[in-house]
Amino acid sequence: MKEENPRFSIVDRIKSFKYAFNGLKIFFLKDHNGRIHFFAAVVAIGLSIYLKLSSLEWIALLSVISAVFVAEIINTSIENLADVVSPDYHPKIKIVKDLAAAAVLVCAFLALGVGGIIFIPKLFF
């Protein structure tokens, strides 16, 4: 049986970072959507540097970029888990996958909205 209150271990904390960075590596190297979001983030950040955004604009931009990455990572995790649980088509698994994808879509729309509010006036007015 697992100990209820294991002692704090710096080694275990370092290992947890290793696992997290490995997850990011997997996401950005193997997930097609992850690479698309990364490219969009690089373009947005490059444009932000060029346009010299204010601190609050940077906070908004980096927040929505992070939200899109988090949503996509969770979506990818759910899809991978669902494929293990039910390799064949199952209508309930489809619903789970569609809902996870919808979360990414909502975050992407939010990111587009924030990007539009920040960039359109700076580029066209």
Protein backbone atom coordinates (compact mmCIF):
# COMPACT_ATOMS: atom_id res chain seq x y z
CA MET A 1 0.00 0.00 0.00
CA LYS A 2 1.17 3.49 -0.86
CA GLU A 3 2.30 5.75 1.98
CA GLU A 4 -0.31 8.48 2.56
CA ASN A 5 2.08 11.36 3.26
CA PRO A 6 5.35 10.60 1.51
CA ARG A 7 8.27 12.74 2.54
CA PHE A 8 9.23 15.63 0.32
CA SER A 9 11.92 14.67 -2.13
CA ILE A 10 13.77 17.17 -4.32
CA VAL A 11 14.72 14.26 -6.59
CA ASP A 12 11.06 13.41 -7.14
CA ARG A 13 10.27 17.06 -7.86
CA ILE A 14 13.08 17.21 -10.44
CA LYS A 15 11.78 14.00 -12.03
CA SER A 16 8.30 15.52 -12.30
CA PHE A 17 9.77 18.44 -14.27
CA LYS A 18 11.56 15.94 -16.52
CA TYR A 19 8.25 14.21 -17.25
CA ALA A 20 6.53 17.53 -17.92
CA PHE A 21 9.25 18.69 -20.33
CA ASN A 22 9.08 15.31 -22.05
CA GLY A 23 5.33 15.89 -22.50
CA LEU A 24 6.03 19.26 -24.12
CA LYS A 25 8.63 17.64 -26.39
CA ILE A 26 6.15 14.96 -27.44
CA PHE A 27 3.45 17.57 -28.01
CA PHE A 28 5.52 19.90 -30.17
CA LEU A 29 7.37 17.20 -32.12
CA LYS A 30 4.60 14.66 -32.73
CA ASP A 31 1.32 16.55 -32.64
CA HIS A 32 0.39 18.25 -35.90
CA ASN A 33 -1.93 20.75 -34.20
CA GLY A 34 0.76 21.49 -31.63
CA ARG A 35 3.10 22.57 -34.41
CA ILE A 36 0.40 24.73 -36.00
CA HIS A 37 -0.28 26.46 -32.68
CA PHE A 38 3.46 26.89 -32.12
CA PHE A 39 3.85 28.54 -35.54
CA ALA A 40 0.91 30.87 -34.84
CA ALA A 41 2.41 31.75 -31.44
CA VAL A 42 5.80 32.54 -32.98
CA VAL A 43 4.14 34.81 -35.56
CA ALA A 44 2.08 36.57 -32.87
CA ILE A 45 5.10 37.02 -30.60
CA GLY A 46 7.23 38.28 -33.49
CA LEU A 47 4.54 40.78 -34.46
CA SER A 48 4.23 41.81 -30.82
CA ILE A 49 7.94 42.53 -30.58
CA TYR A 50 7.80 44.53 -33.82
CA LEU A 51 4.78 46.55 -32.65
CA LYS A 52 6.21 47.09 -29.14
CA LEU A 53 3.15 45.98 -27.20
CA SER A 54 2.42 47.37 -23.77
CA SER A 55 2.81 45.19 -20.68
CA LEU A 56 -0.94 44.58 -20.46
CA GLU A 57 -1.11 43.65 -24.15
CA TRP A 58 1.73 41.18 -23.60
CA ILE A 59 -0.09 39.68 -20.62
CA ALA A 60 -3.28 39.26 -22.68
CA LEU A 61 -1.41 37.79 -25.64
CA LEU A 62 0.69 35.35 -23.62
CA SER A 63 -2.37 34.31 -21.61
CA VAL A 64 -4.39 33.32 -24.68
CA ILE A 65 -1.39 31.62 -26.30
CA SER A 66 -0.96 29.58 -23.11
CA ALA A 67 -4.69 28.82 -22.98
CA VAL A 68 -4.61 27.45 -26.52
CA PHE A 69 -1.56 25.29 -25.75
CA VAL A 70 -3.11 23.97 -22.53
CA ALA A 71 -6.41 23.18 -24.23
CA GLU A 72 -4.66 21.43 -27.13
CA ILE A 73 -2.43 19.40 -24.80
CA ILE A 74 -5.46 18.28 -22.77
CA ASN A 75 -7.35 17.52 -25.99
CA THR A 76 -4.46 15.43 -27.30
CA SER A 77 -4.22 13.61 -23.98
CA ILE A 78 -7.93 12.82 -24.01
CA GLU A 79 -7.79 11.62 -27.61
CA ASN A 80 -4.82 9.35 -26.91
CA LEU A 81 -6.44 7.91 -23.81
CA ALA A 82 -9.75 7.41 -25.62
CA ASP A 83 -7.95 5.53 -28.41
CA VAL A 84 -6.49 3.13 -25.85
CA VAL A 85 -9.77 2.66 -24.00
CA SER A 86 -11.79 2.15 -27.17
CA PRO A 87 -9.68 1.55 -30.30
CA ASP A 88 -12.82 0.93 -32.35
CA TYR A 89 -15.45 3.55 -33.04
CA HIS A 90 -17.76 4.19 -30.12
CA PRO A 91 -20.41 6.95 -30.12
CA LYS A 92 -19.66 8.00 -26.51
CA ILE A 93 -15.92 8.22 -27.22
CA LYS A 94 -16.74 10.40 -30.24
CA ILE A 95 -18.67 12.76 -27.96
CA VAL A 96 -15.73 12.96 -25.53
CA LYS A 97 -13.30 13.70 -28.36
CA ASP A 98 -15.64 16.28 -29.91
CA LEU A 99 -16.05 18.06 -26.56
CA ALA A 100 -12.29 18.17 -26.02
CA ALA A 101 -11.82 19.56 -29.53
CA ALA A 102 -14.52 22.15 -28.84
CA ALA A 103 -12.53 23.38 -25.83
CA VAL A 104 -9.56 24.03 -28.13
CA LEU A 105 -11.83 25.81 -30.60
CA VAL A 106 -13.20 28.11 -27.90
CA CYS A 107 -9.66 28.98 -26.79
CA ALA A 108 -8.57 29.56 -30.38
CA PHE A 109 -11.53 31.91 -30.98
CA LEU A 110 -10.63 33.77 -27.80
CA ALA A 111 -7.02 34.06 -28.98
CA LEU A 112 -8.18 35.38 -32.36
CA GLY A 113 -10.42 37.92 -30.64
CA VAL A 114 -7.67 39.14 -28.33
CA GLY A 115 -5.22 39.22 -31.23
CA GLY A 116 -7.68 41.22 -33.30
CA ILE A 117 -8.28 43.72 -30.51
CA ILE A 118 -4.54 44.19 -30.06
CA PHE A 119 -3.21 44.01 -33.62
CA ILE A 120 -5.89 45.47 -35.90
CA PRO A 121 -5.73 49.03 -34.51
CA LYS A 122 -1.92 48.97 -34.53
CA LEU A 123 -1.69 47.65 -38.09
CA PHE A 124 -4.51 49.47 -39.83
CA PHE A 125 -5.29 52.71 -37.97
